[in-house]
Amino acid sequence: MIGPVNSNFVLHFACMHCSTVHCVHEQVMRVSSMTGEGLSELWDKMKEFRTKLTLSGDLERRREKQYVRWMDNHIADKLRTLFLEHPSVRRLMPKLEFLVEKGAVTPGYAADVLLHEFSSSLRISDKVPSSEVTRELLEAEKQLSDDVVSEYA
C-alpha cells in the first residue's frame, strides 16, 4: 500500500550525459513544494547547469540533434499513417495479423507482404519535389555551405 504523499522531495540531478568535464558528477538536493525550502537553490542550480551547457556548446549540439530526431520522427509518423490508411494495407492487415497470431506466417513475411502492397502502389514521379521546393532546398544548402566556409575561414 502506498503511504501518504510526502511534501518533501529529494531531487537527484544526473548530469552524466554532458560531454564537458564539469558535468560528470551528480547532485542531490532536498526541495519542498509545501514550505519552499530549497526552491531558490534548485532554480540557481538549474540556471547554472544551463549556462554551463550553453558556454560549452553542448546545448546547441543537443538542440541540433533534437531537430534531426524531430524530422525523423515526423517522417516516420507520416509514413506510418500513410501506410496504415492505404486501402490494400487496411484490407490485408486483419488477415495477416490473424495468420501471424496463429503461427501460419512469420511476422517478417507478413510485414513484407504489406510493405510490398503499399510500395507497389506508389507513383514515384508524383513524389518528386516541385521545382520551387527543389530551388528552396538548393538555396538553403548553398547558404549553409557559405556559413560553414565563413565560420572556418
N, C-alpha and C. Protein backbone atom coordinates (compact mmCIF):
# COMPACT_ATOMS: atom_id res chain seq x y z
N MET A 1 0.84 -1.18 0.00
CA MET A 1 0.00 0.00 0.00
C MET A 1 0.89 1.24 0.00
N ILE A 2 0.46 2.22 -0.71
CA ILE A 2 1.20 3.47 -0.78
C ILE A 2 0.78 4.35 0.38
N GLY A 3 1.77 4.92 1.06
CA GLY A 3 1.51 5.77 2.21
C GLY A 3 1.11 7.17 1.78
N PRO A 4 0.96 8.06 2.74
CA PRO A 4 0.58 9.44 2.43
C PRO A 4 1.67 10.13 1.61
N VAL A 5 1.26 11.09 0.83
CA VAL A 5 2.20 11.84 0.00
C VAL A 5 3.08 12.71 0.88
N ASN A 6 4.37 12.62 0.65
CA ASN A 6 5.32 13.42 1.38
C ASN A 6 5.59 14.69 0.59
N SER A 7 5.45 15.82 1.22
CA SER A 7 5.65 17.08 0.51
C SER A 7 7.12 17.44 0.37
N ASN A 8 8.00 16.67 0.99
CA ASN A 8 9.44 16.91 0.86
C ASN A 8 10.02 15.89 -0.12
N PHE A 9 10.70 16.38 -1.09
CA PHE A 9 11.28 15.51 -2.10
C PHE A 9 12.77 15.73 -2.16
N VAL A 10 13.45 14.68 -2.50
CA VAL A 10 14.87 14.79 -2.76
C VAL A 10 15.02 14.69 -4.27
N LEU A 11 15.58 15.73 -4.86
CA LEU A 11 15.78 15.74 -6.31
C LEU A 11 17.20 15.31 -6.61
N HIS A 12 17.31 14.46 -7.56
CA HIS A 12 18.59 13.90 -7.95
C HIS A 12 18.90 14.36 -9.36
N PHE A 13 19.96 15.10 -9.52
CA PHE A 13 20.37 15.59 -10.83
C PHE A 13 21.47 14.71 -11.36
N ALA A 14 21.18 13.98 -12.40
CA ALA A 14 22.22 13.16 -13.04
C ALA A 14 22.67 13.89 -14.29
N CYS A 15 23.89 14.33 -14.27
CA CYS A 15 24.44 15.09 -15.40
C CYS A 15 25.47 14.24 -16.12
N MET A 16 25.29 12.95 -16.15
CA MET A 16 26.30 12.06 -16.69
C MET A 16 26.44 12.17 -18.20
N HIS A 17 25.43 12.69 -18.90
CA HIS A 17 25.47 12.70 -20.35
C HIS A 17 26.14 13.94 -20.93
N CYS A 18 26.57 14.85 -20.10
CA CYS A 18 27.27 16.02 -20.60
C CYS A 18 28.64 15.60 -21.09
N SER A 19 29.08 16.24 -22.14
CA SER A 19 30.41 15.92 -22.64
C SER A 19 31.48 16.77 -21.97
N THR A 20 31.04 17.72 -21.18
CA THR A 20 32.02 18.62 -20.55
C THR A 20 32.45 18.04 -19.21
N VAL A 21 33.66 18.37 -18.80
CA VAL A 21 34.23 17.83 -17.57
C VAL A 21 33.43 18.25 -16.34
N HIS A 22 32.93 19.47 -16.35
CA HIS A 22 32.24 19.98 -15.15
C HIS A 22 30.85 19.39 -14.96
N CYS A 23 30.40 18.53 -15.84
CA CYS A 23 29.05 17.97 -15.71
C CYS A 23 29.05 16.47 -15.49
N VAL A 24 30.17 15.89 -15.07
CA VAL A 24 30.21 14.44 -14.94
C VAL A 24 29.85 13.96 -13.54
N HIS A 25 29.39 14.85 -12.70
CA HIS A 25 29.02 14.47 -11.35
C HIS A 25 27.49 14.53 -11.18
N GLU A 26 27.04 13.98 -10.08
CA GLU A 26 25.62 14.01 -9.77
C GLU A 26 25.40 14.89 -8.55
N GLN A 27 24.21 15.46 -8.47
CA GLN A 27 23.90 16.31 -7.33
C GLN A 27 22.55 15.89 -6.76
N VAL A 28 22.43 15.96 -5.44
CA VAL A 28 21.18 15.66 -4.76
C VAL A 28 20.81 16.88 -3.93
N MET A 29 19.54 17.28 -4.04
CA MET A 29 19.08 18.45 -3.29
C MET A 29 17.73 18.13 -2.65
N ARG A 30 17.51 18.65 -1.47
CA ARG A 30 16.22 18.49 -0.81
C ARG A 30 15.37 19.73 -1.14
N VAL A 31 14.16 19.48 -1.62
CA VAL A 31 13.27 20.56 -2.03
C VAL A 31 11.88 20.28 -1.48
N SER A 32 11.21 21.30 -0.99
CA SER A 32 9.84 21.16 -0.50
C SER A 32 8.93 22.13 -1.23
N SER A 33 7.90 21.60 -1.87
CA SER A 33 6.93 22.46 -2.52
C SER A 33 5.98 23.08 -1.50
N MET A 34 5.87 22.46 -0.35
CA MET A 34 4.98 22.98 0.69
C MET A 34 5.59 24.18 1.41
N THR A 35 6.85 24.07 1.75
CA THR A 35 7.49 25.14 2.53
C THR A 35 8.34 26.07 1.65
N GLY A 36 8.65 25.61 0.46
CA GLY A 36 9.51 26.40 -0.42
C GLY A 36 10.99 26.17 -0.16
N GLU A 37 11.28 25.30 0.81
CA GLU A 37 12.66 25.02 1.16
C GLU A 37 13.42 24.49 -0.06
N GLY A 38 14.53 25.11 -0.37
CA GLY A 38 15.41 24.63 -1.42
C GLY A 38 15.03 25.04 -2.83
N LEU A 39 13.88 25.70 -3.02
CA LEU A 39 13.46 26.06 -4.37
C LEU A 39 14.39 27.07 -5.04
N SER A 40 14.80 28.09 -4.31
CA SER A 40 15.68 29.08 -4.94
C SER A 40 17.03 28.45 -5.26
N GLU A 41 17.54 27.59 -4.37
CA GLU A 41 18.80 26.90 -4.63
C GLU A 41 18.66 25.98 -5.84
N LEU A 42 17.53 25.31 -5.94
CA LEU A 42 17.27 24.44 -7.08
C LEU A 42 17.27 25.26 -8.37
N TRP A 43 16.56 26.36 -8.35
CA TRP A 43 16.49 27.21 -9.55
C TRP A 43 17.88 27.73 -9.93
N ASP A 44 18.68 28.10 -8.93
CA ASP A 44 20.05 28.56 -9.19
C ASP A 44 20.88 27.45 -9.85
N LYS A 45 20.75 26.23 -9.35
CA LYS A 45 21.49 25.09 -9.92
C LYS A 45 21.05 24.82 -11.35
N MET A 46 19.75 24.94 -11.60
CA MET A 46 19.24 24.70 -12.95
C MET A 46 19.78 25.76 -13.91
N LYS A 47 19.80 27.02 -13.48
CA LYS A 47 20.35 28.09 -14.32
C LYS A 47 21.84 27.89 -14.54
N GLU A 48 22.54 27.49 -13.50
CA GLU A 48 23.98 27.24 -13.61
C GLU A 48 24.25 26.11 -14.62
N PHE A 49 23.47 25.05 -14.53
CA PHE A 49 23.62 23.92 -15.45
C PHE A 49 23.38 24.36 -16.89
N ARG A 50 22.33 25.14 -17.11
CA ARG A 50 22.03 25.62 -18.46
C ARG A 50 23.15 26.53 -18.98
N THR A 51 23.68 27.38 -18.12
CA THR A 51 24.78 28.25 -18.52
C THR A 51 26.00 27.43 -18.93
N LYS A 52 26.32 26.41 -18.15
CA LYS A 52 27.46 25.55 -18.48
C LYS A 52 27.24 24.85 -19.82
N LEU A 53 26.03 24.35 -20.02
CA LEU A 53 25.72 23.69 -21.31
C LEU A 53 25.84 24.67 -22.46
N THR A 54 25.37 25.89 -22.25
CA THR A 54 25.42 26.90 -23.31
C THR A 54 26.86 27.28 -23.63
N LEU A 55 27.64 27.58 -22.60
CA LEU A 55 29.03 28.01 -22.81
C LEU A 55 29.89 26.92 -23.44
N SER A 56 29.61 25.68 -23.10
CA SER A 56 30.42 24.57 -23.64
C SER A 56 30.01 24.21 -25.06
N GLY A 57 28.84 24.70 -25.50
CA GLY A 57 28.34 24.36 -26.83
C GLY A 57 27.48 23.11 -26.82
N ASP A 58 27.39 22.44 -25.66
CA ASP A 58 26.59 21.22 -25.57
C ASP A 58 25.11 21.47 -25.84
N LEU A 59 24.60 22.59 -25.36
CA LEU A 59 23.18 22.88 -25.55
C LEU A 59 22.85 23.00 -27.03
N GLU A 60 23.68 23.73 -27.77
CA GLU A 60 23.44 23.89 -29.20
C GLU A 60 23.56 22.55 -29.93
N ARG A 61 24.57 21.75 -29.58
CA ARG A 61 24.74 20.44 -30.22
C ARG A 61 23.55 19.54 -29.93
N ARG A 62 23.07 19.56 -28.69
CA ARG A 62 21.90 18.75 -28.34
C ARG A 62 20.66 19.21 -29.12
N ARG A 63 20.49 20.52 -29.22
CA ARG A 63 19.34 21.07 -29.93
C ARG A 63 19.40 20.67 -31.40
N GLU A 64 20.59 20.76 -32.01
CA GLU A 64 20.74 20.37 -33.42
C GLU A 64 20.36 18.91 -33.62
N LYS A 65 20.82 18.05 -32.74
CA LYS A 65 20.48 16.62 -32.83
C LYS A 65 18.98 16.41 -32.60
N GLN A 66 18.41 17.19 -31.71
CA GLN A 66 16.99 17.09 -31.44
C GLN A 66 16.17 17.47 -32.68
N TYR A 67 16.60 18.49 -33.40
CA TYR A 67 15.90 18.88 -34.62
C TYR A 67 15.89 17.75 -35.63
N VAL A 68 17.02 17.06 -35.76
CA VAL A 68 17.11 15.94 -36.69
C VAL A 68 16.19 14.80 -36.23
N ARG A 69 16.17 14.53 -34.92
CA ARG A 69 15.26 13.48 -34.40
C ARG A 69 13.81 13.86 -34.65
N TRP A 70 13.46 15.15 -34.48
CA TRP A 70 12.09 15.59 -34.75
C TRP A 70 11.73 15.36 -36.21
N MET A 71 12.67 15.69 -37.10
CA MET A 71 12.42 15.47 -38.52
C MET A 71 12.22 13.98 -38.80
N ASP A 72 13.11 13.15 -38.26
CA ASP A 72 13.00 11.70 -38.45
C ASP A 72 11.66 11.17 -37.91
N ASN A 73 11.28 11.65 -36.72
CA ASN A 73 10.02 11.22 -36.13
C ASN A 73 8.83 11.66 -36.96
N HIS A 74 8.91 12.88 -37.50
CA HIS A 74 7.81 13.38 -38.34
C HIS A 74 7.66 12.51 -39.59
N ILE A 75 8.79 12.18 -40.20
CA ILE A 75 8.75 11.32 -41.39
C ILE A 75 8.18 9.95 -41.02
N ALA A 76 8.67 9.37 -39.94
CA ALA A 76 8.20 8.05 -39.53
C ALA A 76 6.70 8.07 -39.22
N ASP A 77 6.25 9.10 -38.51
CA ASP A 77 4.82 9.20 -38.18
C ASP A 77 3.97 9.33 -39.44
N LYS A 78 4.41 10.17 -40.36
CA LYS A 78 3.65 10.39 -41.60
C LYS A 78 3.63 9.12 -42.44
N LEU A 79 4.78 8.47 -42.56
CA LEU A 79 4.83 7.22 -43.33
C LEU A 79 3.95 6.14 -42.71
N ARG A 80 3.97 6.04 -41.40
CA ARG A 80 3.14 5.04 -40.72
C ARG A 80 1.66 5.33 -40.96
N THR A 81 1.28 6.60 -40.88
CA THR A 81 -0.11 6.97 -41.13
C THR A 81 -0.51 6.65 -42.57
N LEU A 82 0.33 7.04 -43.53
CA LEU A 82 0.04 6.73 -44.93
C LEU A 82 -0.06 5.23 -45.15
N PHE A 83 0.84 4.50 -44.54
CA PHE A 83 0.85 3.04 -44.66
C PHE A 83 -0.44 2.43 -44.11
N LEU A 84 -0.79 2.80 -42.89
CA LEU A 84 -1.97 2.20 -42.24
C LEU A 84 -3.28 2.62 -42.90
N GLU A 85 -3.30 3.77 -43.57
CA GLU A 85 -4.51 4.23 -44.24
C GLU A 85 -4.63 3.72 -45.68
N HIS A 86 -3.59 3.08 -46.17
CA HIS A 86 -3.59 2.58 -47.54
C HIS A 86 -4.65 1.48 -47.69
N PRO A 87 -5.48 1.53 -48.73
CA PRO A 87 -6.57 0.57 -48.90
C PRO A 87 -6.12 -0.89 -48.89
N SER A 88 -5.06 -1.22 -49.59
CA SER A 88 -4.59 -2.62 -49.61
C SER A 88 -4.11 -3.06 -48.24
N VAL A 89 -3.43 -2.17 -47.54
CA VAL A 89 -2.94 -2.50 -46.20
C VAL A 89 -4.12 -2.70 -45.26
N ARG A 90 -5.10 -1.81 -45.33
CA ARG A 90 -6.29 -1.94 -44.48
C ARG A 90 -7.03 -3.24 -44.75
N ARG A 91 -7.06 -3.64 -46.01
CA ARG A 91 -7.76 -4.87 -46.40
C ARG A 91 -7.00 -6.11 -45.91
N LEU A 92 -5.68 -6.11 -46.06
CA LEU A 92 -4.88 -7.29 -45.75
C LEU A 92 -4.46 -7.40 -44.28
N MET A 93 -4.35 -6.28 -43.60
CA MET A 93 -3.83 -6.27 -42.23
C MET A 93 -4.54 -7.25 -41.29
N PRO A 94 -5.87 -7.24 -41.20
CA PRO A 94 -6.52 -8.17 -40.26
C PRO A 94 -6.22 -9.63 -40.59
N LYS A 95 -6.22 -9.96 -41.85
CA LYS A 95 -5.95 -11.35 -42.26
C LYS A 95 -4.53 -11.76 -41.89
N LEU A 96 -3.58 -10.88 -42.20
CA LEU A 96 -2.19 -11.19 -41.90
C LEU A 96 -1.92 -11.21 -40.40
N GLU A 97 -2.55 -10.33 -39.66
CA GLU A 97 -2.39 -10.36 -38.20
C GLU A 97 -2.89 -11.69 -37.64
N PHE A 98 -4.03 -12.17 -38.15
CA PHE A 98 -4.58 -13.45 -37.71
C PHE A 98 -3.60 -14.58 -38.03
N LEU A 99 -3.05 -14.57 -39.24
CA LEU A 99 -2.10 -15.62 -39.65
C LEU A 99 -0.82 -15.58 -38.81
N VAL A 100 -0.37 -14.37 -38.46
CA VAL A 100 0.81 -14.24 -37.61
C VAL A 100 0.51 -14.77 -36.22
N GLU A 101 -0.65 -14.38 -35.66
CA GLU A 101 -1.03 -14.85 -34.32
C GLU A 101 -1.09 -16.37 -34.26
N LYS A 102 -1.57 -17.01 -35.32
CA LYS A 102 -1.72 -18.47 -35.35
C LYS A 102 -0.44 -19.19 -35.75
N GLY A 103 0.58 -18.42 -36.09
CA GLY A 103 1.85 -19.03 -36.45
C GLY A 103 1.90 -19.56 -37.87
N ALA A 104 0.92 -19.20 -38.69
CA ALA A 104 0.87 -19.69 -40.07
C ALA A 104 1.88 -18.98 -40.95
N VAL A 105 2.19 -17.73 -40.64
CA VAL A 105 3.22 -16.99 -41.36
C VAL A 105 4.07 -16.25 -40.33
N THR A 106 5.28 -15.93 -40.72
CA THR A 106 6.16 -15.20 -39.81
C THR A 106 5.81 -13.71 -39.83
N PRO A 107 6.12 -13.01 -38.75
CA PRO A 107 5.88 -11.56 -38.74
C PRO A 107 6.62 -10.86 -39.88
N GLY A 108 7.83 -11.29 -40.17
CA GLY A 108 8.60 -10.68 -41.25
C GLY A 108 7.95 -10.86 -42.60
N TYR A 109 7.42 -12.07 -42.84
CA TYR A 109 6.75 -12.32 -44.12
C TYR A 109 5.51 -11.44 -44.25
N ALA A 110 4.72 -11.36 -43.18
CA ALA A 110 3.51 -10.54 -43.21
C ALA A 110 3.85 -9.08 -43.44
N ALA A 111 4.89 -8.59 -42.77
CA ALA A 111 5.31 -7.20 -42.96
C ALA A 111 5.76 -6.98 -44.40
N ASP A 112 6.51 -7.93 -44.95
CA ASP A 112 6.97 -7.81 -46.34
C ASP A 112 5.80 -7.75 -47.31
N VAL A 113 4.77 -8.56 -47.08
CA VAL A 113 3.59 -8.54 -47.95
C VAL A 113 2.92 -7.17 -47.89
N LEU A 114 2.73 -6.67 -46.68
CA LEU A 114 2.07 -5.36 -46.52
C LEU A 114 2.92 -4.24 -47.13
N LEU A 115 4.21 -4.28 -46.90
CA LEU A 115 5.09 -3.25 -47.46
C LEU A 115 5.13 -3.32 -48.98
N HIS A 116 5.09 -4.53 -49.53
CA HIS A 116 5.07 -4.67 -50.98
C HIS A 116 3.78 -4.07 -51.56
N GLU A 117 2.65 -4.39 -50.94
CA GLU A 117 1.37 -3.84 -51.39
C GLU A 117 1.37 -2.32 -51.34
N PHE A 118 1.92 -1.79 -50.27
CA PHE A 118 1.98 -0.34 -50.10
C PHE A 118 2.91 0.30 -51.13
N SER A 119 4.12 -0.20 -51.23
CA SER A 119 5.11 0.43 -52.09
C SER A 119 4.82 0.25 -53.57
N SER A 120 4.17 -0.85 -53.95
CA SER A 120 3.90 -1.06 -55.37
C SER A 120 2.87 -0.08 -55.91
N SER A 121 2.09 0.50 -55.04
CA SER A 121 1.07 1.45 -55.49
C SER A 121 1.58 2.88 -55.56
N LEU A 122 2.79 3.12 -55.05
CA LEU A 122 3.34 4.47 -55.06
C LEU A 122 3.80 4.83 -56.46
N ARG A 123 3.48 6.03 -56.86
CA ARG A 123 3.98 6.54 -58.14
C ARG A 123 5.09 7.51 -57.81
N ILE A 124 6.28 7.08 -58.03
CA ILE A 124 7.45 7.87 -57.64
C ILE A 124 7.45 9.24 -58.32
N SER A 125 7.00 9.31 -59.56
CA SER A 125 7.04 10.60 -60.26
C SER A 125 6.18 11.64 -59.56
N ASP A 126 5.13 11.22 -58.86
CA ASP A 126 4.29 12.16 -58.11
C ASP A 126 4.97 12.62 -56.83
N LYS A 127 6.00 11.91 -56.42
CA LYS A 127 6.62 12.20 -55.13
C LYS A 127 7.86 13.06 -55.26
N VAL A 128 8.28 13.37 -56.48
CA VAL A 128 9.46 14.20 -56.68
C VAL A 128 9.10 15.63 -56.30
N PRO A 129 9.96 16.30 -55.55
CA PRO A 129 9.65 17.68 -55.14
C PRO A 129 9.45 18.59 -56.34
N SER A 130 8.58 19.55 -56.18
CA SER A 130 8.36 20.53 -57.25
C SER A 130 9.63 21.34 -57.45
N SER A 131 9.71 22.01 -58.59
CA SER A 131 10.92 22.80 -58.88
C SER A 131 11.09 23.92 -57.84
N GLU A 132 9.98 24.45 -57.32
CA GLU A 132 10.08 25.50 -56.30
C GLU A 132 10.70 24.95 -55.02
N VAL A 133 10.24 23.77 -54.59
CA VAL A 133 10.80 23.16 -53.38
C VAL A 133 12.26 22.82 -53.61
N THR A 134 12.58 22.27 -54.78
CA THR A 134 13.96 21.93 -55.10
C THR A 134 14.84 23.17 -55.06
N ARG A 135 14.37 24.27 -55.63
CA ARG A 135 15.12 25.52 -55.63
C ARG A 135 15.35 26.01 -54.19
N GLU A 136 14.32 25.93 -53.35
CA GLU A 136 14.46 26.35 -51.95
C GLU A 136 15.48 25.49 -51.22
N LEU A 137 15.47 24.18 -51.48
CA LEU A 137 16.43 23.29 -50.85
C LEU A 137 17.85 23.61 -51.29
N LEU A 138 18.03 23.87 -52.58
CA LEU A 138 19.36 24.22 -53.09
C LEU A 138 19.86 25.53 -52.50
N GLU A 139 18.96 26.52 -52.37
CA GLU A 139 19.34 27.80 -51.76
C GLU A 139 19.74 27.62 -50.30
N ALA A 140 18.97 26.82 -49.57
CA ALA A 140 19.28 26.56 -48.16
C ALA A 140 20.63 25.85 -48.03
N GLU A 141 20.87 24.88 -48.93
CA GLU A 141 22.13 24.15 -48.91
C GLU A 141 23.30 25.09 -49.20
N LYS A 142 23.14 25.99 -50.17
CA LYS A 142 24.20 26.94 -50.51
C LYS A 142 24.46 27.88 -49.33
N GLN A 143 23.39 28.37 -48.70
CA GLN A 143 23.55 29.27 -47.56
C GLN A 143 24.29 28.57 -46.42
N LEU A 144 23.92 27.34 -46.15
CA LEU A 144 24.59 26.58 -45.10
C LEU A 144 26.05 26.38 -45.45
N SER A 145 26.31 26.03 -46.70
CA SER A 145 27.69 25.84 -47.15
C SER A 145 28.50 27.13 -46.99
N ASP A 146 27.91 28.27 -47.38
CA ASP A 146 28.58 29.56 -47.23
C ASP A 146 28.85 29.87 -45.76
N ASP A 147 27.87 29.56 -44.90
CA ASP A 147 28.03 29.81 -43.46
C ASP A 147 29.15 28.97 -42.87
N VAL A 148 29.22 27.70 -43.27
CA VAL A 148 30.25 26.81 -42.75
C VAL A 148 31.62 27.27 -43.21
N VAL A 149 31.72 27.64 -44.49
CA VAL A 149 33.00 28.11 -45.03
C VAL A 149 33.45 29.37 -44.30
N SER A 150 32.54 30.33 -44.09
CA SER A 150 32.93 31.58 -43.43
C SER A 150 33.26 31.33 -41.96
N GLU A 151 32.63 30.34 -41.33
CA GLU A 151 32.88 30.04 -39.93
C GLU A 151 34.30 29.51 -39.73
N TYR A 152 34.78 28.73 -40.68
CA TYR A 152 36.10 28.11 -40.54
C TYR A 152 37.19 28.85 -41.32
N ALA A 153 36.83 29.95 -41.95
CA ALA A 153 37.83 30.70 -42.75
C ALA A 153 38.68 31.57 -41.86
